[in-house]
């Protein structure tokens, strides 16, 4: 199988993001960078599929030159090749990102003479959450795509793939012909840690760099806003034995008793 995984360089932050003075971007001066948790699961799933069926995993990103770091991280996890579409230091909007990814995928398929069996995306990026890049790319390439996937079952001999998506009432299962695309969610698998051998291989790996003309997209950012932090409120139910009825009422409300 030939699998393409599309990833994005995003700030690694567990707390509330700090915005720039104009409120139109995230202040990244004191942040490190990584790939999102959904995309990390996409890399792991691609590596597992190739370990099972054979083939190769190519990782593709659109972003600044520094995004090479995320490609080498993916290679340290087991990916075979990395492609960087350098788009400058400014963030590229989802429409322009999808255009650049589509052109890079088309070039890669034309060079090899065969399509990628599976193109994988994270369901959404943790920094912007646009939920649209994967759909745009799949539509441009004429590939079926399913989002929110937490289960993949591939039958390369039959040229079919099944995707499972969890729902509040159970699960939905979709079947599609290969080649196809998929947007996966965190929890699809448990991503591995890079091994020492993988890190050494990633250092030596050759990254293919592309510098195409990426036209401006149609999305314009006006400003960002950090949501208000929800702080827990402490309620005193009473003191001593007089608080017992209130405690029992609360436990019954929580269906503990």
Protein backbone atom coordinates (compact mmCIF):
# COMPACT_ATOMS: atom_id res chain seq x y z
CA UNK A 1 0.00 0.00 0.00
CA UNK A 2 1.06 3.56 -0.72
CA UNK A 3 -0.25 5.88 1.97
CA UNK A 4 -0.03 9.67 2.19
CA UNK A 5 -0.46 11.38 5.58
CA UNK A 6 -1.03 15.14 5.65
CA UNK A 7 0.08 16.91 8.84
CA UNK A 8 0.32 20.47 10.15
CA UNK A 9 2.88 22.21 12.36
CA UNK A 10 0.99 23.54 15.40
CA UNK A 11 1.99 25.08 18.75
CA UNK A 12 2.38 22.60 21.59
CA UNK A 13 0.47 24.16 24.45
CA UNK A 14 -1.63 22.57 27.15
CA UNK A 15 -3.02 25.83 28.52
CA UNK A 16 -4.84 28.88 27.23
CA UNK A 17 -3.00 30.37 24.23
CA UNK A 18 -1.44 33.82 24.43
CA UNK A 19 -2.45 36.13 21.58
CA UNK A 20 -0.37 38.71 19.78
CA UNK A 21 -0.98 42.40 20.52
CA UNK A 22 -3.24 42.86 17.51
CA UNK A 23 -5.30 39.79 18.49
CA UNK A 24 -4.95 38.22 15.06
CA UNK A 25 -2.50 35.43 15.86
CA UNK A 26 -1.05 33.21 18.58
CA UNK A 27 2.12 34.43 20.28
CA UNK A 28 4.50 31.53 19.64
CA UNK A 29 7.71 33.11 20.99
CA UNK A 30 7.83 30.79 23.99
CA UNK A 31 6.13 27.74 22.50
CA UNK A 32 7.46 24.55 20.99
CA UNK A 33 5.76 22.93 18.00
CA UNK A 34 4.35 19.51 17.21
CA UNK A 35 1.67 17.77 15.12
CA UNK A 36 -1.87 17.47 16.43
CA UNK A 37 -3.07 14.35 18.31
CA UNK A 38 -5.43 13.37 15.47
CA UNK A 39 -2.58 13.51 12.96
CA UNK A 40 -0.28 11.56 15.27
CA UNK A 41 -2.88 8.77 15.23
CA UNK A 42 -3.04 9.03 11.42
CA UNK A 43 0.74 8.51 11.23
CA UNK A 44 0.56 5.52 13.56
CA UNK A 45 -2.30 3.92 11.62
CA UNK A 46 -0.46 4.38 8.32
CA UNK A 47 2.70 2.78 9.73
CA UNK A 48 0.70 -0.15 11.11
CA UNK A 49 -1.02 -0.73 7.76
CA UNK A 50 2.31 -0.77 5.92
CA UNK A 51 3.81 -3.11 8.52
CA UNK A 52 0.88 -5.44 7.87
CA UNK A 53 0.47 -5.21 4.09
CA UNK A 54 3.77 -3.73 2.89
CA UNK A 55 4.27 -0.51 0.98
CA UNK A 56 5.38 2.95 2.08
CA UNK A 57 4.21 5.97 4.05
CA UNK A 58 4.79 9.51 2.78
CA UNK A 59 4.18 12.48 5.09
CA UNK A 60 3.25 15.84 3.55
CA UNK A 61 2.96 19.27 5.11
CA UNK A 62 2.37 22.86 3.97
CA UNK A 63 4.05 25.53 6.07
CA UNK A 64 7.28 27.31 6.93
CA UNK A 65 10.73 25.81 6.52
CA UNK A 66 10.71 24.92 10.23
CA UNK A 67 7.93 22.38 9.54
CA UNK A 68 10.71 20.02 8.47
CA UNK A 69 10.95 19.21 12.19
CA UNK A 70 7.45 17.68 12.15
CA UNK A 71 8.25 15.64 9.03
CA UNK A 72 11.35 14.20 10.70
CA UNK A 73 9.29 13.39 13.77
CA UNK A 74 6.88 11.42 11.56
CA UNK A 75 9.81 9.59 9.95
CA UNK A 76 11.13 8.70 13.41
CA UNK A 77 7.77 7.00 14.05
CA UNK A 78 8.12 4.83 10.94
CA UNK A 79 7.17 6.94 7.92
CA UNK A 80 9.39 6.51 4.86
CA UNK A 81 9.38 9.86 3.07
CA UNK A 82 8.72 13.51 3.85
CA UNK A 83 7.57 16.32 1.56
CA UNK A 84 7.58 19.97 2.62
CA UNK A 85 5.58 22.47 0.59
CA UNK A 86 7.22 25.67 1.79
CA UNK A 87 4.65 28.45 1.97
CA UNK A 88 6.49 31.11 3.97
CA UNK A 89 6.29 32.14 7.64
CA UNK A 90 2.66 33.28 7.63
CA UNK A 91 -0.16 30.83 8.28
CA UNK A 92 -1.87 29.59 5.12
CA UNK A 93 -5.66 29.47 5.19
CA UNK A 94 -7.51 26.15 4.60
CA UNK A 95 -8.43 26.90 1.00
CA UNK A 96 -4.84 27.68 0.02
CA UNK A 97 -3.55 24.75 2.11
CA UNK A 98 -5.89 22.34 0.33
CA UNK A 99 -4.78 23.70 -3.06
CA UNK A 100 -1.09 23.18 -2.21
CA UNK A 101 -1.68 19.69 -0.82
CA UNK A 102 -3.71 18.69 -3.87
CA UNK A 103 -1.02 19.85 -6.29
CA UNK A 104 1.71 18.06 -4.32
CA UNK A 105 -0.30 14.82 -4.23
CA UNK A 106 -1.01 15.03 -7.97
CA UNK A 107 2.70 15.56 -8.68
CA UNK A 108 3.63 12.58 -6.50
CA UNK A 109 1.07 10.32 -8.17
CA UNK A 110 2.14 11.44 -11.64
CA UNK A 111 5.80 10.76 -10.84
CA UNK A 112 5.05 7.23 -9.60
CA UNK A 113 2.38 6.47 -12.18
CA UNK A 114 -0.06 5.24 -9.53
CA UNK A 115 -2.41 6.89 -7.00
CA UNK A 116 -1.93 6.74 -3.26
CA UNK A 117 -4.20 3.99 -1.94
CA UNK A 118 -5.11 6.01 1.14
CA UNK A 119 -4.75 9.72 1.92
CA UNK A 120 -5.03 10.39 5.65
CA UNK A 121 -5.76 13.61 7.56
CA UNK A 122 -6.37 14.54 11.16
CA UNK A 123 -10.04 15.32 11.71
CA UNK A 124 -9.13 18.93 12.50
CA UNK A 125 -6.06 20.88 13.58
CA UNK A 126 -5.90 21.79 17.28
CA UNK A 127 -4.95 25.42 16.62
CA UNK A 128 -7.58 26.44 14.05
CA UNK A 129 -10.12 23.61 13.87
CA UNK A 130 -11.39 24.44 10.38
CA UNK A 131 -12.57 20.84 9.68
CA UNK A 132 -12.30 21.37 5.92
CA UNK A 133 -8.82 20.75 4.46
CA UNK A 134 -9.30 16.99 4.08
CA UNK A 135 -12.72 17.41 2.47
CA UNK A 136 -11.39 20.02 0.04
CA UNK A 137 -8.45 17.83 -1.02
CA UNK A 138 -10.59 14.70 -1.43
CA UNK A 139 -13.15 16.63 -3.48
CA UNK A 140 -10.45 18.08 -5.75
CA UNK A 141 -8.95 14.61 -6.30
CA UNK A 142 -12.33 12.91 -6.74
CA UNK A 143 -11.79 10.54 -3.81
CA UNK A 144 -14.42 9.39 -1.30
CA UNK A 145 -13.75 10.61 2.24
CA UNK A 146 -15.19 9.88 5.69
CA UNK A 147 -14.47 12.11 8.70
CA UNK A 148 -14.45 11.48 12.44
CA UNK A 149 -13.13 7.93 11.91
CA UNK A 150 -11.97 5.78 14.84
CA UNK A 151 -11.64 2.43 13.07
CA UNK A 152 -10.09 1.39 9.72
CA UNK A 153 -10.21 -2.07 8.12
CA UNK A 154 -8.43 -2.36 4.76
CA UNK A 155 -8.71 -5.24 2.28
CA UNK A 156 -6.03 -4.45 -0.36
CA UNK A 157 -6.76 -7.60 -2.38
CA UNK A 158 -10.40 -6.57 -2.84
CA UNK A 159 -9.49 -2.91 -3.19
CA UNK A 160 -11.92 -1.93 -0.42
CA UNK A 161 -11.72 -0.16 2.92
CA UNK A 162 -14.15 0.12 5.83
CA UNK A 163 -14.30 3.12 8.16
CA UNK A 164 -16.01 3.16 11.56
CA UNK A 165 -17.29 6.38 13.09
CA UNK A 166 -18.67 6.45 16.63
CA UNK A 167 -22.04 8.11 17.23
CA UNK A 168 -24.07 8.80 20.40
CA UNK A 169 -26.31 5.85 19.52
CA UNK A 170 -23.59 3.37 18.52
CA UNK A 171 -21.42 3.41 15.39
CA UNK A 172 -21.61 4.04 11.65
CA UNK A 173 -19.67 1.87 9.21
CA UNK A 174 -18.82 3.07 5.71
CA UNK A 175 -17.29 1.04 2.90
CA UNK A 176 -15.42 2.63 -0.01
CA UNK A 177 -13.29 1.57 -2.94
CA UNK A 178 -9.58 2.35 -2.93
CA UNK A 179 -8.10 4.87 -3.52
CA UNK A 180 -9.86 6.81 -0.78
CA UNK A 181 -9.29 9.50 1.84
CA UNK A 182 -10.05 9.59 5.55
CA UNK A 183 -9.98 12.09 8.43
CA UNK A 184 -9.25 10.29 11.71
CA UNK A 185 -9.81 11.19 15.33
CA UNK A 186 -7.65 10.75 18.39
CA UNK A 187 -8.30 7.34 19.94
CA UNK A 188 -8.04 5.45 16.66
CA UNK A 189 -4.91 3.84 18.14
CA UNK A 190 -2.15 4.43 20.67
CA UNK A 191 0.74 6.22 18.91
CA UNK A 192 4.19 4.83 19.56
CA UNK A 193 7.17 6.76 20.86
CA UNK A 194 10.11 7.37 18.52
CA UNK A 195 12.82 4.77 18.96
CA UNK A 196 16.53 5.65 19.00
CA UNK A 197 16.91 3.89 15.66
CA UNK A 198 13.98 5.86 14.29
CA UNK A 199 15.44 9.16 15.49
CA UNK A 200 18.78 8.41 13.83
CA UNK A 201 17.05 7.43 10.60
CA UNK A 202 14.98 10.62 10.69
CA UNK A 203 18.11 12.77 11.02
CA UNK A 204 19.57 11.30 7.84
CA UNK A 205 16.35 11.19 5.84
CA UNK A 206 16.12 13.40 2.78
CA UNK A 207 13.16 15.78 2.82
CA UNK A 208 11.73 16.76 -0.57
CA UNK A 209 11.10 20.52 -0.67
CA UNK A 210 8.58 22.10 -3.03
CA UNK A 211 8.11 25.85 -3.51
CA UNK A 212 5.05 26.21 -5.73
CA UNK A 213 3.02 29.36 -6.12
CA UNK A 214 0.24 29.06 -3.56
CA UNK A 215 -2.60 31.48 -4.35
CA UNK A 216 -4.24 33.30 -1.48
CA UNK A 217 -7.34 31.61 -0.13
CA UNK A 218 -10.71 33.20 0.53
CA UNK A 219 -10.68 33.13 4.34
CA UNK A 220 -9.76 36.37 6.14
CA UNK A 221 -9.02 36.38 9.85
CA UNK A 222 -10.42 39.36 11.70
CA UNK A 223 -9.32 38.51 15.23
CA UNK A 224 -8.99 35.72 17.77
CA UNK A 225 -10.54 35.59 21.21
CA UNK A 226 -9.55 33.43 24.16
CA UNK A 227 -12.69 31.92 25.74
CA UNK A 228 -13.39 32.70 29.37
CA UNK A 229 -12.04 30.13 31.76
CA UNK A 230 -14.72 28.10 33.54
CA UNK A 231 -13.78 28.09 37.21
CA UNK A 232 -15.36 25.57 39.60
CA UNK A 233 -17.61 27.03 42.26
CA UNK A 234 -17.45 25.74 45.82
CA UNK A 235 -20.79 25.42 47.60
CA UNK A 236 -20.94 24.76 51.33
CA UNK A 237 -23.81 22.35 51.99
CA UNK A 238 -23.74 22.84 55.74
CA UNK A 239 -21.77 22.02 58.83
CA UNK A 240 -21.80 18.88 60.93
CA UNK A 241 -24.85 16.64 61.11
CA UNK A 242 -27.12 19.35 59.72
CA UNK A 243 -25.41 18.98 56.32
CA UNK A 244 -26.38 15.27 55.99
CA UNK A 245 -29.76 15.79 54.23
CA UNK A 246 -28.18 18.15 51.67
CA UNK A 247 -25.39 15.63 51.02
CA UNK A 248 -27.92 12.84 50.48
CA UNK A 249 -29.95 15.02 48.09
CA UNK A 250 -26.79 15.78 46.09
CA UNK A 251 -25.81 12.10 45.88
CA UNK A 252 -29.30 11.21 44.70
CA UNK A 253 -29.13 13.97 42.08
CA UNK A 254 -25.84 12.50 40.83
CA UNK A 255 -27.49 9.03 40.87
CA UNK A 256 -24.79 7.70 43.17
CA UNK A 257 -27.35 6.39 45.65
